[in-house]
Protein backbone atom coordinates (compact mmCIF):
# COMPACT_ATOMS: atom_id res chain seq x y z
CA MET A 1 16.97 -20.73 -14.14
CA ASN A 2 17.78 -17.82 -16.49
CA ILE A 3 15.66 -14.75 -16.93
CA GLN A 4 14.16 -15.80 -20.19
CA GLU A 5 13.05 -19.05 -18.70
CA ILE A 6 11.58 -17.24 -15.70
CA ARG A 7 9.62 -14.88 -18.04
CA SER A 8 8.33 -17.83 -20.08
CA TYR A 9 6.30 -18.90 -16.98
CA PHE A 10 4.30 -15.58 -16.93
CA PRO A 11 1.71 -15.62 -19.75
CA ILE A 12 0.61 -12.06 -19.10
CA LEU A 13 4.03 -10.66 -20.13
CA ASP A 14 3.49 -11.89 -23.66
CA GLN A 15 0.75 -9.31 -24.47
CA GLN A 16 0.98 -5.92 -26.04
CA VAL A 17 -0.45 -2.76 -24.50
CA ASN A 18 -1.28 0.17 -26.78
CA GLY A 19 0.56 -1.55 -29.58
CA LYS A 20 3.74 -1.94 -27.53
CA GLN A 21 5.26 -4.92 -25.72
CA LEU A 22 4.08 -4.86 -22.09
CA VAL A 23 6.79 -3.73 -19.59
CA TYR A 24 5.28 -4.40 -16.18
CA LEU A 25 6.92 -2.29 -13.46
CA ASP A 26 4.29 -2.30 -10.75
CA SER A 27 5.02 -5.42 -8.78
CA ALA A 28 5.11 -3.55 -5.49
CA ALA A 29 1.33 -3.13 -6.00
CA THR A 30 0.83 -6.70 -7.13
CA SER A 31 3.08 -9.23 -8.82
CA GLN A 32 2.18 -11.22 -11.90
CA LYS A 33 1.34 -15.00 -11.56
CA PRO A 34 3.31 -17.87 -13.10
CA ARG A 35 1.78 -20.77 -14.82
CA GLN A 36 2.66 -23.01 -11.81
CA VAL A 37 0.30 -21.01 -9.64
CA ILE A 38 -2.45 -20.63 -12.29
CA GLU A 39 -2.37 -24.41 -12.89
CA ALA A 40 -2.39 -25.20 -9.17
CA LEU A 41 -5.51 -23.10 -8.85
CA GLU A 42 -7.10 -24.76 -11.92
CA ASP A 43 -6.11 -28.27 -10.66
CA TYR A 44 -7.63 -27.59 -7.18
CA TYR A 45 -11.02 -26.50 -8.64
CA ARG A 46 -10.98 -29.26 -11.26
CA THR A 47 -10.03 -32.20 -9.02
CA THR A 48 -10.23 -31.35 -5.34
CA ASN A 49 -12.70 -28.60 -4.59
CA SER A 50 -14.44 -29.24 -1.25
CA ASN A 51 -14.73 -27.57 2.14
CA VAL A 52 -12.01 -28.49 4.68
CA HIS A 53 -11.90 -29.87 8.14
CA ARG A 54 -15.56 -31.00 8.01
CA GLY A 55 -16.32 -33.90 5.67
CA VAL A 56 -14.97 -37.41 5.90
CA HIS A 57 -15.35 -37.99 2.15
CA THR A 58 -12.34 -38.21 -0.14
CA LEU A 59 -12.63 -34.75 -1.71
CA GLY A 60 -12.94 -33.20 1.78
CA ASN A 61 -9.87 -35.02 3.02
CA ASN A 62 -7.85 -34.05 -0.12
CA ALA A 63 -8.88 -30.44 0.24
CA THR A 64 -7.86 -30.42 3.88
CA ASP A 65 -4.55 -32.00 3.08
CA ALA A 66 -3.89 -29.35 0.37
CA TYR A 67 -4.89 -26.47 2.69
CA GLU A 68 -2.86 -27.66 5.64
CA GLY A 69 -0.03 -28.61 3.39
CA ALA A 70 0.12 -25.00 2.24
CA ARG A 71 0.28 -23.87 5.89
CA GLU A 72 3.36 -26.13 6.41
CA LYS A 73 4.98 -24.62 3.31
CA VAL A 74 4.47 -21.12 4.78
CA ARG A 75 5.88 -22.28 8.18
CA LYS A 76 9.05 -23.48 6.51
CA PHE A 77 9.27 -20.46 4.21
CA ILE A 78 9.46 -18.00 7.12
CA ASN A 79 11.02 -20.51 9.58
CA ALA A 80 8.28 -20.43 12.15
CA LYS A 81 8.37 -23.01 14.94
CA SER A 82 4.92 -24.50 14.37
CA THR A 83 1.99 -24.36 12.03
CA GLU A 84 0.00 -23.28 15.05
CA GLU A 85 1.66 -19.89 14.54
CA ILE A 86 0.57 -19.54 10.91
CA ILE A 87 -2.87 -17.99 10.34
CA PHE A 88 -4.31 -17.52 6.90
CA THR A 89 -5.92 -14.11 6.31
CA ARG A 90 -6.99 -12.01 3.31
CA GLY A 91 -3.66 -10.19 3.29
CA THR A 92 -1.30 -7.89 5.18
CA THR A 93 -4.06 -5.33 6.00
CA THR A 94 -6.29 -8.05 7.64
CA SER A 95 -3.29 -9.47 9.51
CA ILE A 96 -2.28 -6.07 11.02
CA ASN A 97 -5.88 -5.31 11.87
CA THR A 98 -6.20 -8.67 13.62
CA VAL A 99 -3.23 -7.77 15.94
CA ALA A 100 -4.52 -4.24 16.46
CA VAL A 101 -8.01 -5.37 17.46
CA SER A 102 -7.29 -8.67 19.19
CA TYR A 103 -4.05 -7.79 20.93
CA GLY A 104 -4.11 -3.98 20.99
CA LEU A 105 -7.57 -3.35 22.36
CA ALA A 106 -7.15 -6.04 25.04
CA ASN A 107 -3.68 -4.81 26.27
CA LEU A 108 -3.49 -1.11 25.87
CA LYS A 109 -4.75 1.59 28.27
CA GLU A 110 -4.44 5.32 28.61
CA GLY A 111 -0.81 6.37 28.92
CA ASP A 112 0.54 3.45 26.95
CA GLU A 113 2.29 4.07 23.65
CA ILE A 114 2.22 2.69 20.16
CA VAL A 115 5.27 3.48 18.00
CA ILE A 116 5.42 3.36 14.21
CA SER A 117 7.37 5.40 11.60
CA TYR A 118 6.63 8.22 9.06
CA MET A 119 7.21 5.83 6.16
CA GLU A 120 4.41 3.28 7.00
CA HIS A 121 1.74 2.23 4.66
CA HIS A 122 -1.75 3.24 5.57
CA SER A 123 -2.56 -0.38 6.61
CA ASN A 124 0.09 -0.01 9.36
CA ILE A 125 -1.12 3.46 10.38
CA ILE A 126 -4.88 3.50 10.48
CA PRO A 127 -5.46 0.38 12.65
CA TRP A 128 -3.16 1.92 15.27
CA GLN A 129 -4.92 5.30 15.02
CA GLN A 130 -8.22 3.55 15.79
CA VAL A 131 -6.75 1.53 18.66
CA ALA A 132 -5.20 4.70 20.17
CA LYS A 133 -8.52 6.51 20.00
CA LYS A 134 -10.37 3.65 21.68
CA THR A 135 -7.85 2.97 24.35
CA GLY A 136 -6.36 6.37 25.10
CA ALA A 137 -2.91 5.21 24.11
CA LEU A 138 -0.49 7.69 22.52
CA LEU A 139 0.51 7.05 18.91
CA LYS A 140 4.14 8.17 18.29
CA TYR A 141 6.27 8.36 15.08
CA ILE A 142 9.93 7.62 14.50
CA PRO A 143 11.27 10.34 12.15
CA LEU A 144 13.46 9.70 9.11
CA THR A 145 16.93 10.78 8.25
CA GLU A 146 17.61 12.98 5.22
CA ASP A 147 17.96 10.02 2.84
CA GLY A 148 14.72 8.40 4.04
CA SER A 149 16.13 5.84 6.42
CA ILE A 150 14.66 5.35 9.98
CA ASP A 151 16.50 7.56 12.48
CA MET A 152 17.71 4.97 14.95
CA GLU A 153 18.95 7.50 17.45
CA ALA A 154 15.53 9.10 17.55
CA ALA A 155 13.88 5.62 17.75
CA LYS A 156 15.73 4.76 20.92
CA LYS A 157 14.44 7.95 22.51
CA ILE A 158 10.86 7.50 21.27
CA ILE A 159 10.51 3.87 22.35
CA THR A 160 10.18 4.05 26.13
CA LYS A 161 9.07 2.01 29.14
CA ASN A 162 5.55 3.18 28.28
CA THR A 163 5.72 1.71 24.75
CA LYS A 164 3.65 -1.44 24.44
CA ILE A 165 3.64 -1.96 20.66
CA VAL A 166 6.12 -1.14 17.96
CA SER A 167 5.01 -1.80 14.39
CA ILE A 168 7.38 -1.19 11.48
CA MET A 169 7.52 -2.13 7.84
CA TYR A 170 10.53 -4.33 6.89
CA VAL A 171 10.81 -2.65 3.39
CA SER A 172 9.25 0.60 2.37
CA ASN A 173 6.81 0.38 -0.60
CA VAL A 174 7.80 3.92 -1.52
CA LEU A 175 11.48 4.38 -0.69
CA GLY A 176 12.65 0.77 -1.04
CA ALA A 177 14.43 1.21 2.29
CA MET A 178 15.18 -1.96 4.23
CA ASN A 179 14.63 -1.10 7.84
CA PRO A 180 16.63 -2.51 10.73
CA VAL A 181 13.61 -4.26 12.21
CA LYS A 182 15.69 -6.80 14.16
CA GLU A 183 17.54 -4.07 15.97
CA ILE A 184 14.31 -2.11 16.55
CA GLY A 185 12.71 -5.25 17.86
CA GLU A 186 15.55 -5.89 20.33
CA TYR A 187 15.21 -2.39 21.74
CA ALA A 188 11.42 -2.73 21.89
CA HIS A 189 11.69 -5.97 23.86
CA GLN A 190 14.15 -4.31 26.22
CA GLN A 191 11.44 -1.77 26.98
CA GLY A 192 8.80 -4.42 27.47
CA ALA A 193 7.06 -3.83 24.06
CA ILE A 194 6.06 -6.31 21.39
CA MET A 195 7.40 -6.05 17.84
CA VAL A 196 5.06 -6.18 14.82
CA ILE A 197 6.58 -6.35 11.30
CA ASP A 198 4.76 -5.40 8.10
CA GLY A 199 6.38 -7.84 5.65
CA ALA A 200 4.31 -7.04 2.62
CA GLN A 201 7.27 -5.69 0.57
CA SER A 202 10.07 -7.93 2.10
CA THR A 203 8.62 -11.40 1.82
CA PRO A 204 8.55 -11.65 -1.95
CA HIS A 205 12.09 -10.36 -2.46
CA MET A 206 14.33 -11.81 0.27
CA LYS A 207 14.79 -14.64 2.79
CA VAL A 208 12.74 -14.12 5.89
CA ASP A 209 13.35 -15.90 9.24
CA VAL A 210 10.85 -14.83 11.92
CA ARG A 211 12.83 -16.67 14.60
CA ASP A 212 16.02 -14.80 13.71
CA LEU A 213 14.16 -11.56 13.64
CA ASN A 214 12.53 -12.57 16.97
CA CYS A 215 9.42 -10.54 16.03
CA ASP A 216 6.14 -11.18 17.87
CA PHE A 217 3.95 -10.77 14.78
CA TYR A 218 4.80 -10.75 11.08
CA ALA A 219 2.23 -10.04 8.31
CA PHE A 220 2.45 -10.47 4.59
CA SER A 221 0.27 -10.91 1.39
CA GLY A 222 0.39 -13.60 -1.22
CA HIS A 223 -0.50 -11.40 -4.18
CA LYS A 224 2.85 -9.51 -4.04
CA MET A 225 4.80 -12.81 -4.22
CA CYS A 226 3.26 -14.58 -7.28
CA ALA A 227 0.27 -15.99 -5.36
CA PRO A 228 -3.43 -15.15 -5.89
CA THR A 229 -5.09 -12.10 -4.46
CA GLY A 230 -7.12 -12.47 -1.28
CA ILE A 231 -4.68 -14.72 0.62
CA GLY A 232 -2.22 -13.57 3.28
CA VAL A 233 -0.57 -14.64 6.52
CA LEU A 234 -0.28 -13.55 10.04
CA TYR A 235 2.53 -15.14 11.94
CA GLY A 236 2.43 -14.76 15.72
CA LYS A 237 4.29 -16.25 18.62
CA LYS A 238 2.21 -19.15 19.98
CA GLY A 239 2.05 -17.82 23.52
CA LEU A 240 0.63 -14.46 22.33
CA LEU A 241 -1.89 -16.04 19.98
CA GLU A 242 -3.11 -18.39 22.64
CA GLU A 243 -3.93 -15.40 24.89
CA MET A 244 -5.73 -13.46 22.12
CA GLU A 245 -9.51 -13.63 21.32
CA PRO A 246 -10.72 -14.20 17.75
CA VAL A 247 -11.91 -11.17 15.85
CA GLU A 248 -14.40 -12.97 13.68
CA PHE A 249 -16.89 -15.56 14.91
CA GLY A 250 -19.02 -18.30 13.30
CA GLY A 251 -18.36 -21.71 11.75
CA GLU A 252 -15.09 -23.52 11.59
CA MET A 253 -13.45 -21.63 14.53
CA ILE A 254 -15.59 -23.11 17.24
CA ASP A 255 -15.09 -26.09 19.53
CA PHE A 256 -18.49 -26.19 21.18
CA VAL A 257 -21.57 -23.92 20.92
CA ASP A 258 -24.23 -23.70 23.59
CA LEU A 259 -27.25 -21.46 23.65
CA TYR A 260 -25.49 -18.63 25.52
CA ASP A 261 -21.79 -19.37 25.30
CA SER A 262 -19.19 -20.93 22.98
CA THR A 263 -15.63 -22.16 23.12
CA TRP A 264 -12.97 -21.86 20.44
CA LYS A 265 -10.85 -24.38 18.55
CA GLU A 266 -7.12 -24.49 19.21
CA LEU A 267 -4.59 -22.58 17.15
CA PRO A 268 -4.47 -21.67 14.31
CA TRP A 269 -8.07 -22.37 13.49
CA LYS A 270 -9.67 -20.12 16.21
CA PHE A 271 -8.68 -17.22 13.99
CA GLU A 272 -10.08 -18.59 10.69
CA ALA A 273 -13.87 -18.24 10.95
CA GLY A 274 -16.08 -19.58 8.18
CA THR A 275 -14.91 -21.31 5.01
CA PRO A 276 -11.28 -20.40 4.65
CA ILE A 277 -9.47 -19.20 1.58
CA ILE A 278 -8.69 -22.72 0.42
CA ALA A 279 -7.77 -22.21 -3.13
CA GLY A 280 -5.76 -19.09 -2.29
CA ALA A 281 -3.74 -21.08 0.24
CA VAL A 282 -3.10 -23.73 -2.40
CA GLY A 283 -1.97 -21.02 -4.80
CA LEU A 284 0.27 -19.50 -2.11
CA GLY A 285 1.85 -22.84 -1.57
CA ALA A 286 2.51 -23.17 -5.31
CA ALA A 287 4.03 -19.63 -5.34
CA ILE A 288 6.37 -20.56 -2.52
CA ASP A 289 7.50 -23.70 -4.39
CA PHE A 290 8.17 -21.47 -7.44
CA LEU A 291 10.14 -18.84 -5.56
CA GLU A 292 12.18 -21.38 -3.72
CA GLU A 293 13.07 -23.21 -6.97
CA ILE A 294 14.49 -19.95 -8.33
CA GLY A 295 16.06 -19.04 -4.94
CA LEU A 296 15.31 -15.97 -2.83
CA ASP A 297 19.01 -14.97 -2.81
CA GLU A 298 19.06 -15.06 -6.61
CA ILE A 299 15.86 -12.99 -6.68
CA ALA A 300 17.33 -10.38 -4.31
CA LYS A 301 20.56 -10.21 -6.34
CA HIS A 302 18.65 -9.78 -9.66
CA GLU A 303 16.48 -7.02 -8.31
CA HIS A 304 19.45 -5.22 -6.75
CA GLU A 305 21.17 -5.16 -10.13
CA LEU A 306 18.02 -3.78 -11.81
CA VAL A 307 17.28 -1.02 -9.31
CA GLU A 308 20.94 0.04 -9.31
CA TYR A 309 20.87 0.27 -13.08
CA GLY A 310 17.58 2.04 -13.07
CA VAL A 311 18.87 4.71 -10.57
CA GLU A 312 21.98 5.17 -12.68
CA GLN A 313 20.08 5.56 -15.94
CA LEU A 314 17.32 7.79 -14.55
CA SER A 315 19.82 9.96 -12.74
CA SER A 316 21.31 10.93 -16.08
CA LEU A 317 18.17 12.83 -16.99
CA GLU A 318 17.84 16.50 -15.93
CA GLY A 319 15.10 17.45 -13.50
CA VAL A 320 14.76 14.04 -11.90
CA SER A 321 14.34 13.67 -8.15
CA ILE A 322 14.80 10.19 -6.74
CA TYR A 323 13.64 9.42 -3.28
CA GLY A 324 15.07 7.00 -0.77
CA PRO A 325 18.44 5.73 0.46
CA LYS A 326 21.17 4.40 -1.87
CA GLN A 327 20.70 0.85 -0.64
CA ARG A 328 17.18 -0.12 -1.62
CA VAL A 329 14.99 -3.18 -2.49
CA GLY A 330 13.57 -3.24 -6.02
CA VAL A 331 11.73 0.09 -5.82
CA LEU A 332 12.54 3.28 -7.69
CA THR A 333 10.36 6.27 -6.69
CA PHE A 334 10.92 9.61 -8.34
CA ASN A 335 9.46 12.84 -9.72
CA ILE A 336 10.14 14.88 -12.87
CA ALA A 337 10.27 18.60 -12.56
CA GLU A 338 7.11 20.23 -13.92
CA VAL A 339 5.50 16.86 -14.74
CA HIS A 340 2.73 15.44 -12.58
CA PRO A 341 3.25 11.73 -11.74
CA HIS A 342 -0.19 10.88 -13.16
CA ASP A 343 0.64 12.53 -16.50
CA LEU A 344 4.00 10.77 -16.59
CA ALA A 345 2.31 7.42 -15.92
CA THR A 346 -0.23 8.05 -18.70
CA VAL A 347 2.50 8.73 -21.22
CA LEU A 348 4.43 5.63 -20.20
CA ASP A 349 1.28 3.59 -20.50
CA MET A 350 1.08 4.65 -24.12
CA GLU A 351 4.60 3.15 -24.50
CA GLY A 352 3.43 -0.16 -22.93
CA VAL A 353 5.12 0.60 -19.61
CA ALA A 354 3.13 0.09 -16.37
CA ILE A 355 4.24 2.11 -13.35
CA ARG A 356 2.40 3.42 -10.33
CA ALA A 357 1.65 7.09 -9.63
CA GLY A 358 0.01 8.73 -6.61
CA HIS A 359 0.64 8.69 -2.79
CA HIS A 360 1.08 4.87 -2.68
CA CYS A 361 -1.03 4.58 0.49
CA ALA A 362 1.63 6.60 2.33
CA GLN A 363 0.32 10.09 2.70
CA PRO A 364 2.28 10.96 5.86
CA LEU A 365 5.51 9.98 3.97
CA MET A 366 4.46 12.20 1.01
CA LYS A 367 4.05 15.06 3.49
CA TRP A 368 7.59 14.34 4.88
CA LEU A 369 8.88 14.32 1.29
CA GLN A 370 7.02 17.59 0.69
CA VAL A 371 5.25 16.26 -2.37
CA SER A 372 1.63 15.34 -3.07
CA ALA A 373 2.44 12.33 -5.19
CA THR A 374 5.39 10.43 -6.83
CA ALA A 375 5.92 8.07 -9.71
CA ARG A 376 7.18 4.55 -8.81
CA ALA A 377 8.75 1.85 -10.87
CA SER A 378 9.09 -1.48 -8.99
CA PHE A 379 11.05 -4.49 -10.21
CA TYR A 380 10.71 -8.20 -9.67
CA LEU A 381 12.24 -11.51 -10.75
CA TYR A 382 10.80 -11.33 -14.27
CA ASN A 383 12.09 -7.83 -15.24
CA THR A 384 15.17 -7.16 -17.43
CA LYS A 385 17.64 -4.46 -18.02
CA GLU A 386 16.17 -3.99 -21.52
CA GLU A 387 12.88 -3.19 -19.83
CA VAL A 388 14.61 -0.64 -17.61
CA ASP A 389 15.99 0.92 -20.84
CA ILE A 390 12.49 1.10 -22.35
CA PHE A 391 11.16 2.66 -19.12
CA VAL A 392 13.93 5.33 -19.09
CA GLN A 393 13.39 6.06 -22.76
CA GLY A 394 9.66 6.51 -21.99
CA VAL A 395 10.48 8.92 -19.22
CA ARG A 396 12.73 10.87 -21.62
CA LYS A 397 9.85 11.10 -24.18
CA ALA A 398 7.54 12.31 -21.50
CA LYS A 399 9.96 15.07 -20.45
CA GLU A 400 10.33 16.17 -24.03
CA TYR A 401 6.57 16.07 -24.69
CA PHE A 402 5.69 18.18 -21.64
CA SER A 403 8.54 20.69 -22.25
CA ASP A 404 7.11 21.23 -25.73
CA VAL A 405 3.59 21.58 -24.44
CA PHE A 406 4.47 24.01 -21.65
């Protein structure tokens, strides 16, 4: 499938913004949705809409088949052993919070350690801060090397026999760094700790095999991989999930309710209280079909070419600081001397170019970079080199405008 054919499936890309053709470079925040996903949602609501696991009527059975069929697609997509290990959530944040509350609070005590890194997204920092406060566990941070990679030598010193949980993002939403999570997980396991992976920025862009990674938990969001907002996944090893208690209670997740006690359904449903995110799961299944038709290896190759080209072109401008290692995944984060990232993003928006500006929910990383904010262009399967040129030309215009003003 060539790039123009891929772009033809994304109706939002046809529009103009401020009189200019839209150039969408903010997919790390949320990706755009192809017609296949939009039509899957429409078809579900038009022909199938019903609650799942409850009714015996035709619509109920069809909805259940669609919902559980999506779970099987997710299982295959990340190579989990069983659908019992696939829990639908609202997204990466909910998934990590589920592990923190259900596993962390039950298994940590004073003197235990939780290890994360300086580059983590807030959704992989704040839950562990709260668990540490409630349990007396110590929260420790792996430092970064000069280019923004995880310092593996330091990691092996920081992860000790007292470490019970290590939680690291696979790919940084700011630096684009692809972290050696398999190696970190191996060392964590040697010390008796579990390994949690934040897969929000990796799952849309590359093949993921949770069995090869041998992680204990893996979290990701649908909306960053062409699926609807409000749907995500928590993968967990069956043995761990079976020992954990639900974090939400109510309908759907129960087996039997008495006046003073209740029992839970088996996996994965004991973690899915209430009416689940049925249409979102169907949309996620359609997104997986779409991505697999194109091929995750092809997507990764295309993004690598775009980000390399973007770094090369942007580096030719004076006063540009680019953050992160040379090898990166689809993210180009930078600053322009004497130009605030928000001002830059505003000027680019007038050129029809959508980028992100701010701390990117990674304030500890901003502190490590010694900046308050950065600009970020993020690329996905529908972007082109021509769009990179438009983006760089917009940055050049912004530099010229602010140099004239000041």
